[in-house]
Amino acid sequence: MLVVGDEKNRAKWKKGRVMRHVKGRDGIIRGVTLLHKGHHIERPLSLVCLLEIKGPVTTGNVSLQQVARSQQTKSSRSRRQAAEIAKEKIRVIAADEDYD
């Protein structure tokens, strides 16, 4: 995982391995404990980025991909009514145009 830093260049961000998940009182994973150059660092999920790697890397019995997917599904919400109306208007306009 990458630890989000102040630098714009992501190559300078710290890299670490997830050692354990930090769960909130509701049982949802809120943060992680990372191992970075022999030191343990605790960071919230908003301050870490999942590295794109080949093959699953697991920590215990939960893979990092499963953690990322579970966080995405928990944060999903229904679309606003204004967004649905705008989407429909765009679809109608696109259908009316002639493509020659």
C-alpha atoms as a PDB file:
ATOM      1  CA  MET A   1       0.000   0.000   0.000  1.00  0.00           C
ATOM      2  CA  LEU A   2       1.077   3.578  -0.517  1.00  0.00           C
ATOM      3  CA  VAL A   3       0.842   6.031   2.367  1.00  0.00           C
ATOM      4  CA  VAL A   4      -0.536   9.325   1.052  1.00  0.00           C
ATOM      5  CA  GLY A   5       1.982  12.130   1.521  1.00  0.00           C
ATOM      6  CA  ASP A   6       2.217  15.868   0.922  1.00  0.00           C
ATOM      7  CA  GLU A   7       4.364  15.452  -2.187  1.00  0.00           C
ATOM      8  CA  LYS A   8       2.671  15.500  -5.580  1.00  0.00           C
ATOM      9  CA  ASN A   9       5.115  12.898  -6.853  1.00  0.00           C
ATOM     10  CA  ARG A  10       3.677   9.538  -5.783  1.00  0.00           C
ATOM     11  CA  ALA A  11       7.056   7.896  -6.259  1.00  0.00           C
ATOM     12  CA  LYS A  12       8.167   9.620  -3.043  1.00  0.00           C
ATOM     13  CA  TRP A  13       5.236   8.336  -0.961  1.00  0.00           C
ATOM     14  CA  LYS A  14       6.007   5.657   1.627  1.00  0.00           C
ATOM     15  CA  LYS A  15       5.277   2.053   0.744  1.00  0.00           C
ATOM     16  CA  GLY A  16       4.209  -0.454   3.351  1.00  0.00           C
ATOM     17  CA  ARG A  17       2.754  -3.893   3.913  1.00  0.00           C
ATOM     18  CA  VAL A  18      -0.547  -4.277   5.721  1.00  0.00           C
ATOM     19  CA  MET A  19      -0.017  -6.093   9.013  1.00  0.00           C
ATOM     20  CA  ARG A  20      -3.511  -5.814  10.478  1.00  0.00           C
ATOM     21  CA  HIS A  21      -6.845  -4.058   9.993  1.00  0.00           C
ATOM     22  CA  VAL A  22      -8.214  -1.543  12.488  1.00  0.00           C
ATOM     23  CA  LYS A  23     -11.970  -1.984  12.886  1.00  0.00           C
ATOM     24  CA  GLY A  24     -14.424   0.506  14.298  1.00  0.00           C
ATOM     25  CA  ARG A  25     -17.029  -0.318  16.926  1.00  0.00           C
ATOM     26  CA  ASP A  26     -19.458  -1.179  14.133  1.00  0.00           C
ATOM     27  CA  GLY A  27     -17.104  -3.824  12.730  1.00  0.00           C
ATOM     28  CA  ILE A  28     -16.203  -1.895   9.570  1.00  0.00           C
ATOM     29  CA  ILE A  29     -12.509  -1.588   8.716  1.00  0.00           C
ATOM     30  CA  ARG A  30     -11.517   2.033   9.360  1.00  0.00           C
ATOM     31  CA  GLY A  31      -7.731   1.877   9.139  1.00  0.00           C
ATOM     32  CA  VAL A  32      -4.673  -0.308   8.753  1.00  0.00           C
ATOM     33  CA  THR A  33      -1.395  -0.934  10.526  1.00  0.00           C
ATOM     34  CA  LEU A  34       1.436  -0.905   7.993  1.00  0.00           C
ATOM     35  CA  LEU A  35       5.000  -2.176   8.190  1.00  0.00           C
ATOM     36  CA  HIS A  36       7.346   0.395   6.617  1.00  0.00           C
ATOM     37  CA  LYS A  37      11.111  -0.135   6.876  1.00  0.00           C
ATOM     38  CA  GLY A  38      10.753  -2.060  10.130  1.00  0.00           C
ATOM     39  CA  HIS A  39       8.373   0.457  11.738  1.00  0.00           C
ATOM     40  CA  HIS A  40       4.649   0.008  12.363  1.00  0.00           C
ATOM     41  CA  ILE A  41       2.499   2.902  11.140  1.00  0.00           C
ATOM     42  CA  GLU A  42      -1.247   3.263  11.721  1.00  0.00           C
ATOM     43  CA  ARG A  43      -3.171   5.107   9.021  1.00  0.00           C
ATOM     44  CA  PRO A  44      -6.877   5.560   8.194  1.00  0.00           C
ATOM     45  CA  LEU A  45      -8.068   4.108   4.883  1.00  0.00           C
ATOM     46  CA  SER A  46      -8.440   7.616   3.450  1.00  0.00           C
ATOM     47  CA  LEU A  47      -4.664   8.088   3.712  1.00  0.00           C
ATOM     48  CA  VAL A  48      -3.556   4.869   1.975  1.00  0.00           C
ATOM     49  CA  CYS A  49      -3.743   3.740  -1.645  1.00  0.00           C
ATOM     50  CA  LEU A  50      -3.915   0.158  -2.845  1.00  0.00           C
ATOM     51  CA  LEU A  51      -0.997  -0.798  -5.083  1.00  0.00           C
ATOM     52  CA  GLU A  52      -1.853  -2.463  -8.385  1.00  0.00           C
ATOM     53  CA  ILE A  53      -0.028  -5.765  -8.244  1.00  0.00           C
ATOM     54  CA  LYS A  54      -0.363  -9.145  -9.929  1.00  0.00           C
ATOM     55  CA  GLY A  55      -1.817 -11.933  -7.850  1.00  0.00           C
ATOM     56  CA  PRO A  56      -3.566 -11.654  -4.512  1.00  0.00           C
ATOM     57  CA  VAL A  57      -1.570 -10.546  -1.488  1.00  0.00           C
ATOM     58  CA  THR A  58      -3.253 -11.703   1.678  1.00  0.00           C
ATOM     59  CA  THR A  59      -2.979 -10.608   5.272  1.00  0.00           C
ATOM     60  CA  GLY A  60      -4.265 -13.443   7.396  1.00  0.00           C
ATOM     61  CA  ASN A  61      -7.454 -14.650   5.757  1.00  0.00           C
ATOM     62  CA  VAL A  62      -8.576 -11.377   4.101  1.00  0.00           C
ATOM     63  CA  SER A  63      -7.063 -10.181   0.821  1.00  0.00           C
ATOM     64  CA  LEU A  64      -6.434  -6.484   0.167  1.00  0.00           C
ATOM     65  CA  GLN A  65      -8.712  -6.615  -2.865  1.00  0.00           C
ATOM     66  CA  GLN A  66     -11.580  -7.816  -0.643  1.00  0.00           C
ATOM     67  CA  VAL A  67     -10.990  -4.915   1.754  1.00  0.00           C
ATOM     68  CA  ALA A  68     -11.021  -2.393  -1.099  1.00  0.00           C
ATOM     69  CA  ARG A  69     -14.215  -3.891  -2.568  1.00  0.00           C
ATOM     70  CA  SER A  70     -15.973  -3.932   0.812  1.00  0.00           C
ATOM     71  CA  GLN A  71     -15.163  -0.251   1.368  1.00  0.00           C
ATOM     72  CA  GLN A  72     -16.469   0.681  -2.091  1.00  0.00           C
ATOM     73  CA  THR A  73     -19.770  -1.138  -1.594  1.00  0.00           C
ATOM     74  CA  LYS A  74     -20.331   0.363   1.870  1.00  0.00           C
ATOM     75  CA  SER A  75     -19.782   3.882   0.575  1.00  0.00           C
ATOM     76  CA  SER A  76     -22.102   3.497  -2.419  1.00  0.00           C
ATOM     77  CA  ARG A  77     -25.352   5.406  -2.225  1.00  0.00           C
ATOM     78  CA  SER A  78     -28.340   6.072  -4.422  1.00  0.00           C
ATOM     79  CA  ARG A  79     -28.042   8.762  -7.056  1.00  0.00           C
ATOM     80  CA  ARG A  80     -29.610  12.142  -6.513  1.00  0.00           C
ATOM     81  CA  GLN A  81     -32.848  12.826  -8.330  1.00  0.00           C
ATOM     82  CA  ALA A  82     -31.246  15.797 -10.156  1.00  0.00           C
ATOM     83  CA  ALA A  83     -28.471  13.513 -11.436  1.00  0.00           C
ATOM     84  CA  GLU A  84     -31.017  10.982 -12.722  1.00  0.00           C
ATOM     85  CA  ILE A  85     -32.997  13.731 -14.508  1.00  0.00           C
ATOM     86  CA  ALA A  86     -29.814  15.121 -16.099  1.00  0.00           C
ATOM     87  CA  LYS A  87     -28.770  11.654 -17.242  1.00  0.00           C
ATOM     88  CA  GLU A  88     -32.151  11.121 -18.910  1.00  0.00           C
ATOM     89  CA  LYS A  89     -32.005  14.539 -20.654  1.00  0.00           C
ATOM     90  CA  ILE A  90     -28.520  13.759 -21.987  1.00  0.00           C
ATOM     91  CA  ARG A  91     -29.729  10.373 -23.258  1.00  0.00           C
ATOM     92  CA  VAL A  92     -32.680  12.025 -25.091  1.00  0.00           C
ATOM     93  CA  ILE A  93     -30.429  14.694 -26.658  1.00  0.00           C
ATOM     94  CA  ALA A  94     -27.924  12.078 -27.803  1.00  0.00           C
ATOM     95  CA  ALA A  95     -30.706   9.931 -29.303  1.00  0.00           C
ATOM     96  CA  ASP A  96     -32.117  12.914 -31.255  1.00  0.00           C
ATOM     97  CA  GLU A  97     -28.811  13.817 -32.906  1.00  0.00           C
ATOM     98  CA  ASP A  98     -28.110  12.589 -36.438  1.00  0.00           C
ATOM     99  CA  TYR A  99     -24.814  10.853 -36.912  1.00  0.00           C
ATOM    100  CA  ASP A 100     -23.961  10.959 -40.622  1.00  0.00           C
END
